[in-house]
Amino acid sequence: MAKDNKKQENNGQKVQTKYERKIEERKKQEEKDKRDAKMMRIGVIAVCVLIAVAIVGSIAASVFRKKAATSDAYVTIGDHSVTKLEFDYYYYLMKNNYMTTYGSLLSYMGVDATQDLDDQQYSGEMTYKDLFEQLAVEQIRQTKALADDAAANNFVYDDTEDYAAILNEVAVNAEAAGTTVKNYYKLSYGEYATEENLEPFAKEGLLAGEYYNYLIEQNAPEAQEIKDYYAENILNYDRVDYYSFAFGAESEEGASEEDAASQEDVEKAMEDAREKAEAMKKAREAGAAFKDLCLENASEENKAMYEDSETDASLREGAYHSSVPAAMADWLYEDGRTQGDIAVLEDEGNNQYYVVEFVKRYYDEADDKNISNTIASERVSEYIENIMESYTVTDHKGELKYLTIEDAVE
């Protein structure tokens, strides 16, 4: 009876053994593993597809950027379409020249050319990046104007030798920098710069420069014009020879003109310096050699330069008015000054007295060439300004911030 009941409870279903249950569980796990492996393969394929798309997209974007930089108009100057490649060439040219010329001063002022120049202020609202962009645009304007004018006037120039010199200089600089010529172009003139694509810009610059020299020659003044110009600018070209020695005020350390006590120290020190200068003047007028008196009064660290028998450190020859210390200039250039005139002159700004002896004032005819160049340069500069007027700037990308700053000022 009990067996019949058990059969009824099973209701005709087969009872699984422990072994059979294990087999079934293993089969389910294998099916699950197959599904997981399939999903993994699908995921890997999807990731690979995404990576491939990203790589293709990156390459396409890079190609697009290169095409835009080398083909599309970045700015228009006059009738000339200027690409980003050409603009960068001039930008880096101006920047490198500026940093070479004023590097030490800029470093002293805290300007770091290796950092973002858009974060370093030049003046007012302009950054150094704005400055170099402005210089680049003005150089492009001038170069295009001169090159166009040269063509209009059938000016012929063989740039073979000069361009070869540029290539040689690049090779030398690249070697000095420890890099390849190819990499040097990119480091010096921008991401897409190569020897080949910069060649037309370099040659156009050479043409403009040679044409400028030609204009200088064509605008050289006549001899009478040089004489007339000299007569109107005598102080700029007359030279003087003179002897001088300075007596500095030896005030106590820390003394200044900020309070009464210090003022008294400075005044006393200046009076002592004046007395020493007057004593030297008297000795010179009595016949002592100026150089010997300098040696006698020089500090220990300065005696050596007055002991040199080959040179005279107290004598200055061929000095222009602009290069003579202000405390002495007017006295030396005073009309009627004669050889042997001697004076004690106060240099209040530097707390010292000079003993000065006049030798002679004269015009060196070698300056005829300088005057000629000055006159010619003024004429050519005016000519270039006139032809540049039509070379207006159109900023297609809106990147030249200095233009908006100039508009705001106007």
Protein backbone atom coordinates (compact mmCIF):
# COMPACT_ATOMS: atom_id res chain seq x y z
CA MET A 1 0.00 0.00 0.00
CA ALA A 2 2.87 2.37 0.89
CA LYS A 3 4.59 1.62 -2.44
CA ASP A 4 1.39 2.46 -4.33
CA ASN A 5 1.19 5.83 -2.53
CA LYS A 6 4.86 6.66 -3.45
CA LYS A 7 4.15 5.90 -7.08
CA GLN A 8 1.15 8.22 -6.96
CA GLU A 9 3.30 11.04 -5.40
CA ASN A 10 5.88 10.73 -8.22
CA ASN A 11 2.97 11.09 -10.58
CA GLY A 12 4.77 9.21 -13.32
CA GLN A 13 7.94 11.48 -13.24
CA LYS A 14 11.42 9.92 -13.29
CA VAL A 15 13.34 10.46 -10.09
CA GLN A 16 16.92 11.84 -10.80
CA THR A 17 19.86 10.31 -9.15
CA LYS A 18 22.64 12.42 -7.63
CA TYR A 19 24.92 11.59 -10.53
CA GLU A 20 22.34 12.66 -13.09
CA ARG A 21 21.86 16.02 -11.31
CA LYS A 22 25.62 16.69 -11.50
CA ILE A 23 25.63 15.93 -15.22
CA GLU A 24 22.75 18.32 -15.82
CA GLU A 25 24.37 21.12 -13.79
CA ARG A 26 27.62 20.69 -15.71
CA LYS A 27 25.75 20.91 -19.00
CA LYS A 28 24.04 24.15 -17.91
CA GLN A 29 27.38 25.63 -16.84
CA GLU A 30 28.94 24.73 -20.19
CA GLU A 31 26.06 26.44 -22.02
CA LYS A 32 26.48 29.53 -19.80
CA ASP A 33 30.24 29.56 -20.48
CA LYS A 34 29.58 29.38 -24.20
CA ARG A 35 27.15 32.32 -23.99
CA ASP A 36 29.67 34.35 -21.94
CA ALA A 37 32.47 33.56 -24.39
CA LYS A 38 30.29 34.64 -27.28
CA MET A 39 29.42 37.92 -25.55
CA MET A 40 33.11 38.47 -24.83
CA ARG A 41 33.99 37.98 -28.50
CA ILE A 42 31.27 40.39 -29.50
CA GLY A 43 32.55 42.94 -26.95
CA VAL A 44 36.16 42.61 -28.11
CA ILE A 45 35.09 43.05 -31.71
CA ALA A 46 33.08 46.13 -30.75
CA VAL A 47 36.03 47.66 -28.88
CA CYS A 48 38.35 46.94 -31.79
CA VAL A 49 35.88 48.57 -34.15
CA LEU A 50 35.69 51.63 -31.88
CA ILE A 51 39.49 51.85 -31.66
CA ALA A 52 39.80 51.51 -35.41
CA VAL A 53 37.19 54.21 -35.92
CA ALA A 54 39.01 56.47 -33.43
CA ILE A 55 42.35 55.91 -35.19
CA VAL A 56 40.82 56.57 -38.59
CA GLY A 57 39.06 59.64 -37.15
CA SER A 58 42.30 60.91 -35.62
CA ILE A 59 44.18 60.41 -38.86
CA ALA A 60 41.38 62.08 -40.79
CA ALA A 61 41.35 65.01 -38.34
CA SER A 62 45.13 65.34 -38.60
CA VAL A 63 44.96 65.29 -42.39
CA PHE A 64 42.15 67.85 -42.28
CA ARG A 65 44.11 70.13 -39.94
CA LYS A 66 47.20 69.86 -42.13
CA LYS A 67 45.19 70.62 -45.26
CA ALA A 68 43.56 73.60 -43.55
CA ALA A 69 46.91 74.90 -42.30
CA THR A 70 48.66 74.55 -45.64
CA SER A 71 45.81 75.41 -48.04
CA ASP A 72 43.04 77.45 -46.43
CA ALA A 73 43.16 81.21 -45.92
CA TYR A 74 44.03 82.08 -42.33
CA VAL A 75 44.21 85.81 -43.03
CA THR A 76 43.99 87.87 -46.17
CA ILE A 77 46.46 90.71 -46.61
CA GLY A 78 45.66 92.94 -49.54
CA ASP A 79 44.94 90.53 -52.39
CA HIS A 80 47.06 87.78 -50.85
CA SER A 81 45.59 84.73 -49.14
CA VAL A 82 47.89 83.76 -46.26
CA THR A 83 47.71 80.23 -44.87
CA LYS A 84 48.30 79.29 -41.25
CA LEU A 85 51.57 77.71 -42.40
CA GLU A 86 52.82 81.01 -43.83
CA PHE A 87 51.52 83.01 -40.86
CA ASP A 88 53.30 80.67 -38.43
CA TYR A 89 56.53 81.04 -40.41
CA TYR A 90 56.48 84.80 -39.87
CA TYR A 91 55.19 84.48 -36.29
CA TYR A 92 58.10 82.28 -35.25
CA LEU A 93 60.52 84.39 -37.28
CA MET A 94 59.46 87.53 -35.40
CA LYS A 95 59.39 85.74 -32.07
CA ASN A 96 62.84 84.20 -32.51
CA ASN A 97 64.38 87.48 -33.67
CA TYR A 98 62.77 89.38 -30.80
CA MET A 99 63.91 86.86 -28.20
CA THR A 100 67.43 86.85 -29.64
CA THR A 101 67.60 90.65 -29.50
CA TYR A 102 65.95 91.19 -26.12
CA GLY A 103 66.35 87.76 -24.53
CA SER A 104 68.40 88.84 -21.53
CA LEU A 105 66.13 91.76 -20.74
CA LEU A 106 62.98 89.67 -21.14
CA SER A 107 64.39 86.95 -18.91
CA TYR A 108 65.17 89.61 -16.30
CA MET A 109 61.55 90.81 -16.59
CA GLY A 110 60.30 87.26 -15.99
CA VAL A 111 59.22 86.46 -19.55
CA ASP A 112 59.59 82.74 -20.34
CA ALA A 113 59.50 81.94 -24.05
CA THR A 114 59.08 78.22 -23.30
CA GLN A 115 55.71 78.85 -21.63
CA ASP A 116 52.37 79.98 -23.06
CA LEU A 117 52.93 83.54 -24.30
CA ASP A 118 49.20 84.19 -24.21
CA ASP A 119 49.46 84.19 -20.41
CA GLN A 120 52.35 86.68 -20.26
CA GLN A 121 51.50 90.38 -20.44
CA TYR A 122 53.37 92.71 -22.78
CA SER A 123 51.58 95.99 -22.13
CA GLY A 124 48.03 97.18 -21.56
CA GLU A 125 45.73 94.45 -22.83
CA MET A 126 48.32 92.91 -25.13
CA THR A 127 50.18 89.69 -24.34
CA TYR A 128 53.48 88.69 -25.90
CA LYS A 129 51.54 86.38 -28.21
CA ASP A 130 49.52 89.38 -29.40
CA LEU A 131 52.75 91.32 -29.92
CA PHE A 132 54.38 88.61 -32.05
CA GLU A 133 51.18 88.18 -34.08
CA GLN A 134 51.13 91.91 -34.76
CA LEU A 135 54.79 91.90 -35.76
CA ALA A 136 54.18 88.89 -38.01
CA VAL A 137 51.27 90.57 -39.81
CA GLU A 138 53.21 93.80 -40.32
CA GLN A 139 56.18 91.88 -41.69
CA ILE A 140 53.92 89.97 -44.09
CA ARG A 141 52.30 93.24 -45.22
CA GLN A 142 55.67 94.81 -45.93
CA THR A 143 57.06 91.71 -47.64
CA LYS A 144 54.03 91.34 -49.92
CA ALA A 145 54.02 95.05 -50.77
CA LEU A 146 57.73 95.07 -51.64
CA ALA A 147 57.53 91.81 -53.62
CA ASP A 148 54.55 93.11 -55.62
CA ASP A 149 56.28 96.43 -56.26
CA ALA A 150 59.44 94.62 -57.35
CA ALA A 151 57.43 92.61 -59.87
CA ALA A 152 55.64 95.73 -61.13
CA ASN A 153 59.01 97.41 -61.71
CA ASN A 154 60.55 94.33 -63.38
CA PHE A 155 63.14 93.97 -60.64
CA VAL A 156 65.26 90.84 -61.26
CA TYR A 157 67.09 89.02 -58.48
CA ASP A 158 68.88 85.66 -58.43
CA ASP A 159 68.27 84.16 -54.98
CA THR A 160 70.32 80.98 -55.56
CA GLU A 161 73.31 81.93 -53.44
CA ASP A 162 71.34 83.60 -50.65
CA TYR A 163 68.84 80.74 -50.37
CA ALA A 164 71.68 78.21 -50.23
CA ALA A 165 73.11 80.22 -47.34
CA ILE A 166 69.75 79.92 -45.51
CA LEU A 167 69.69 76.14 -45.97
CA ASN A 168 73.25 75.89 -44.71
CA GLU A 169 72.39 77.99 -41.65
CA VAL A 170 69.43 75.72 -40.88
CA ALA A 171 71.66 72.64 -41.13
CA VAL A 172 74.24 74.21 -38.81
CA ASN A 173 71.58 75.25 -36.29
CA ALA A 174 69.94 71.82 -36.37
CA GLU A 175 73.27 70.14 -35.67
CA ALA A 176 73.97 72.58 -32.84
CA ALA A 177 70.55 71.82 -31.37
CA GLY A 178 71.22 68.09 -31.59
CA THR A 179 68.30 67.34 -33.88
CA THR A 180 67.53 66.59 -37.54
CA VAL A 181 66.89 69.27 -40.13
CA LYS A 182 63.34 67.96 -40.55
CA ASN A 183 62.62 68.26 -36.85
CA TYR A 184 64.37 71.64 -36.65
CA TYR A 185 61.92 73.14 -39.14
CA LYS A 186 58.98 72.01 -37.01
CA LEU A 187 60.55 73.24 -33.79
CA SER A 188 61.44 76.59 -35.32
CA TYR A 189 58.51 77.39 -37.61
CA GLY A 190 55.51 75.31 -36.61
CA GLU A 191 53.96 71.84 -36.73
CA TYR A 192 53.60 71.58 -40.52
CA ALA A 193 56.80 73.37 -41.53
CA THR A 194 59.17 71.62 -43.92
CA GLU A 195 62.05 72.78 -46.07
CA GLU A 196 59.91 72.32 -49.16
CA ASN A 197 56.77 74.18 -48.08
CA LEU A 198 58.66 77.08 -46.49
CA GLU A 199 60.86 77.65 -49.54
CA PRO A 200 58.51 80.11 -51.31
CA PHE A 201 58.14 82.23 -48.15
CA ALA A 202 61.88 82.35 -47.57
CA LYS A 203 62.56 83.27 -51.19
CA GLU A 204 59.88 85.96 -51.18
CA GLY A 205 61.50 87.41 -48.06
CA LEU A 206 64.88 87.43 -49.81
CA LEU A 207 63.35 89.19 -52.81
CA ALA A 208 61.72 91.84 -50.59
CA GLY A 209 64.98 92.42 -48.74
CA GLU A 210 67.03 92.76 -51.92
CA TYR A 211 64.45 95.10 -53.44
CA TYR A 212 64.57 97.23 -50.29
CA ASN A 213 68.35 97.54 -50.70
CA TYR A 214 67.80 98.51 -54.32
CA LEU A 215 65.37 101.25 -53.25
CA ILE A 216 67.92 102.55 -50.73
CA GLU A 217 70.50 102.84 -53.51
CA GLN A 218 68.01 104.56 -55.80
CA ASN A 219 67.13 107.10 -53.12
CA ALA A 220 70.69 108.04 -52.11
CA PRO A 221 71.01 111.83 -51.64
CA GLU A 222 73.37 114.18 -53.46
CA ALA A 223 76.48 115.56 -51.70
CA GLN A 224 74.84 118.93 -51.01
CA GLU A 225 71.85 117.23 -49.42
CA ILE A 226 74.22 115.44 -47.06
CA LYS A 227 75.87 118.73 -46.07
CA ASP A 228 72.50 120.40 -45.51
CA TYR A 229 71.30 117.49 -43.38
CA TYR A 230 74.47 117.64 -41.28
CA ALA A 231 74.04 121.38 -40.74
CA GLU A 232 70.54 120.74 -39.38
CA ASN A 233 71.68 117.86 -37.13
CA ILE A 234 75.15 118.87 -35.96
CA LEU A 235 74.79 117.45 -32.44
CA ASN A 236 73.89 114.05 -33.87
CA TYR A 237 77.07 113.79 -35.91
CA ASP A 238 79.82 115.91 -34.35
CA ARG A 239 82.25 113.90 -32.26
CA VAL A 240 84.46 114.83 -29.32
CA ASP A 241 87.70 113.55 -27.79
CA TYR A 242 88.11 114.17 -24.07
CA TYR A 243 89.68 112.99 -20.80
CA SER A 244 87.57 112.29 -17.72
CA PHE A 245 87.78 110.87 -14.23
CA ALA A 246 84.98 110.44 -11.70
CA PHE A 247 85.09 110.94 -7.93
CA GLY A 248 82.19 109.11 -6.30
CA ALA A 249 80.66 110.31 -3.03
CA GLU A 250 81.90 107.86 -0.39
CA SER A 251 79.07 108.11 2.16
CA GLU A 252 78.57 105.73 5.06
CA GLU A 253 76.91 102.42 4.31
CA GLY A 254 73.15 102.71 4.43
CA ALA A 255 73.16 106.49 3.99
CA SER A 256 70.56 107.88 1.63
CA GLU A 257 68.60 111.02 0.95
CA GLU A 258 65.45 109.74 2.64
CA ASP A 259 66.01 111.45 6.02
CA ALA A 260 67.81 114.51 7.35
CA ALA A 261 70.69 112.62 8.97
CA SER A 262 71.40 110.62 5.84
CA GLN A 263 71.05 113.75 3.71
CA GLU A 264 73.80 115.37 5.72
CA ASP A 265 76.04 112.31 5.16
CA VAL A 266 75.42 112.41 1.42
CA GLU A 267 76.07 116.15 1.24
CA LYS A 268 79.33 115.79 3.19
CA ALA A 269 80.43 112.90 0.96
CA MET A 270 79.62 114.97 -2.15
CA GLU A 271 81.60 117.90 -0.77
CA ASP A 272 84.58 115.59 -0.17
CA ALA A 273 84.30 114.31 -3.75
CA ARG A 274 84.15 117.87 -5.09
CA GLU A 275 87.25 118.87 -3.13
CA LYS A 276 89.18 115.88 -4.50
CA ALA A 277 88.05 116.76 -8.02
CA GLU A 278 89.12 120.38 -7.59
CA ALA A 279 92.51 119.23 -6.29
CA MET A 280 92.99 117.03 -9.35
CA LYS A 281 91.98 119.89 -11.64
CA LYS A 282 94.60 122.16 -10.04
CA ALA A 283 97.28 119.49 -10.35
CA ARG A 284 96.45 119.03 -14.02
CA GLU A 285 96.56 122.76 -14.67
CA ALA A 286 99.98 122.78 -12.94
CA GLY A 287 101.26 120.31 -15.55
CA ALA A 288 100.68 116.82 -14.11
CA ALA A 289 99.64 114.18 -16.69
CA PHE A 290 95.92 113.39 -16.64
CA LYS A 291 96.59 109.65 -16.72
CA ASP A 292 99.03 109.86 -13.80
CA LEU A 293 96.46 111.76 -11.75
CA CYS A 294 93.86 109.10 -12.51
CA LEU A 295 96.23 106.40 -11.28
CA GLU A 296 96.95 108.42 -8.15
CA ASN A 297 93.24 108.85 -7.30
CA ALA A 298 91.89 105.47 -8.51
CA SER A 299 90.58 102.88 -6.08
CA GLU A 300 92.70 99.77 -5.60
CA GLU A 301 90.45 97.66 -7.83
CA ASN A 302 90.65 100.24 -10.66
CA LYS A 303 94.37 101.04 -10.58
CA ALA A 304 95.27 98.24 -13.01
CA MET A 305 93.42 99.83 -15.95
CA TYR A 306 95.34 103.08 -15.51
CA GLU A 307 98.67 101.27 -15.21
CA ASP A 308 98.40 99.83 -18.72
CA SER A 309 101.11 101.51 -20.80
CA GLU A 310 99.45 100.58 -24.11
CA THR A 311 96.14 102.35 -23.49
CA ASP A 312 94.81 105.40 -21.69
CA ALA A 313 91.61 104.56 -19.80
CA SER A 314 90.94 108.23 -19.11
CA LEU A 315 90.78 109.15 -22.82
CA ARG A 316 87.67 108.74 -24.91
CA GLU A 317 87.83 109.38 -28.64
CA GLY A 318 85.17 109.84 -31.32
CA ALA A 319 82.26 110.10 -28.90
CA TYR A 320 78.85 111.26 -30.15
CA HIS A 321 76.79 113.67 -28.06
CA SER A 322 74.21 110.97 -27.35
CA SER A 323 76.85 108.64 -25.89
CA VAL A 324 78.52 111.15 -23.57
CA PRO A 325 77.28 111.17 -19.93
CA ALA A 326 74.66 113.90 -19.59
CA ALA A 327 76.63 115.71 -16.86
CA MET A 328 79.45 116.37 -19.36
CA ALA A 329 77.74 116.54 -22.76
CA ASP A 330 76.58 120.16 -22.81
CA TRP A 331 79.91 121.45 -21.50
CA LEU A 332 81.93 119.47 -24.05
CA TYR A 333 79.71 120.62 -26.95
CA GLU A 334 79.51 124.23 -25.88
CA ASP A 335 80.45 126.66 -28.65
CA GLY A 336 83.95 128.12 -28.26
CA ARG A 337 85.32 125.17 -26.31
CA THR A 338 89.09 124.91 -26.94
CA GLN A 339 91.73 122.26 -26.43
CA GLY A 340 92.95 122.06 -22.84
CA ASP A 341 89.77 123.47 -21.27
CA ILE A 342 89.22 121.64 -17.98
CA ALA A 343 86.29 121.65 -15.54
CA VAL A 344 84.83 119.96 -12.47
CA LEU A 345 81.23 118.95 -13.24
CA GLU A 346 78.65 117.61 -10.83
CA ASP A 347 76.71 114.44 -11.67
CA GLU A 348 73.99 114.80 -9.08
CA GLY A 349 72.00 111.82 -10.26
CA ASN A 350 74.92 109.47 -9.60
CA ASN A 351 76.37 111.29 -6.58
CA GLN A 352 79.74 112.01 -8.16
CA TYR A 353 81.94 114.72 -9.67
CA TYR A 354 83.79 114.54 -12.98
CA VAL A 355 87.10 116.11 -13.83
CA VAL A 356 86.80 116.68 -17.60
CA GLU A 357 89.35 117.94 -20.09
CA PHE A 358 88.36 118.87 -23.63
CA VAL A 359 90.62 117.73 -26.48
CA LYS A 360 88.72 118.47 -29.70
CA ARG A 361 85.36 118.50 -31.47
CA TYR A 362 85.09 117.53 -35.14
CA TYR A 363 83.05 115.95 -37.93
CA ASP A 364 84.24 112.65 -39.37
CA GLU A 365 83.51 112.49 -43.10
CA ALA A 366 82.98 108.77 -42.71
CA ASP A 367 79.59 109.82 -41.34
CA ASP A 368 78.63 111.01 -44.83
CA LYS A 369 77.67 107.40 -45.47
CA ASN A 370 75.59 107.27 -42.29
CA ILE A 371 73.78 110.47 -43.20
CA SER A 372 73.20 109.19 -46.73
CA ASN A 373 71.70 105.97 -45.36
CA THR A 374 69.53 107.93 -42.95
CA ILE A 375 68.12 110.17 -45.69
CA ALA A 376 67.59 107.24 -48.06
CA SER A 377 65.95 105.16 -45.30
CA GLU A 378 63.53 107.97 -44.47
CA ARG A 379 62.55 108.28 -48.12
CA VAL A 380 62.15 104.52 -48.62
CA SER A 381 60.18 104.16 -45.37
CA GLU A 382 57.74 106.81 -46.57
CA TYR A 383 57.48 105.09 -49.95
CA ILE A 384 56.81 101.70 -48.35
CA GLU A 385 54.17 103.15 -46.02
CA ASN A 386 52.35 104.53 -49.04
CA ILE A 387 52.33 101.27 -51.01
CA MET A 388 51.34 99.31 -47.89
CA GLU A 389 48.13 101.30 -47.36
CA SER A 390 46.10 99.02 -49.63
CA TYR A 391 47.38 95.89 -47.88
CA THR A 392 44.59 95.68 -45.35
CA VAL A 393 44.19 92.72 -43.00
CA THR A 394 41.16 90.42 -42.94
CA ASP A 395 41.13 88.00 -40.00
CA HIS A 396 39.08 85.03 -41.24
CA LYS A 397 39.43 82.92 -38.08
CA GLY A 398 39.02 85.70 -35.54
CA GLU A 399 42.31 84.67 -33.92
CA LEU A 400 44.21 87.96 -34.09
CA LYS A 401 43.20 89.54 -30.79
CA TYR A 402 45.51 92.52 -31.24
CA LEU A 403 43.21 93.76 -34.02
CA THR A 404 40.24 94.00 -31.63
CA ILE A 405 42.46 95.72 -29.04
CA GLU A 406 43.48 98.30 -31.67
CA ASP A 407 39.80 98.83 -32.62
CA ALA A 408 38.90 99.38 -28.97
CA VAL A 409 41.67 101.97 -28.59
CA GLU A 410 40.52 103.82 -31.69
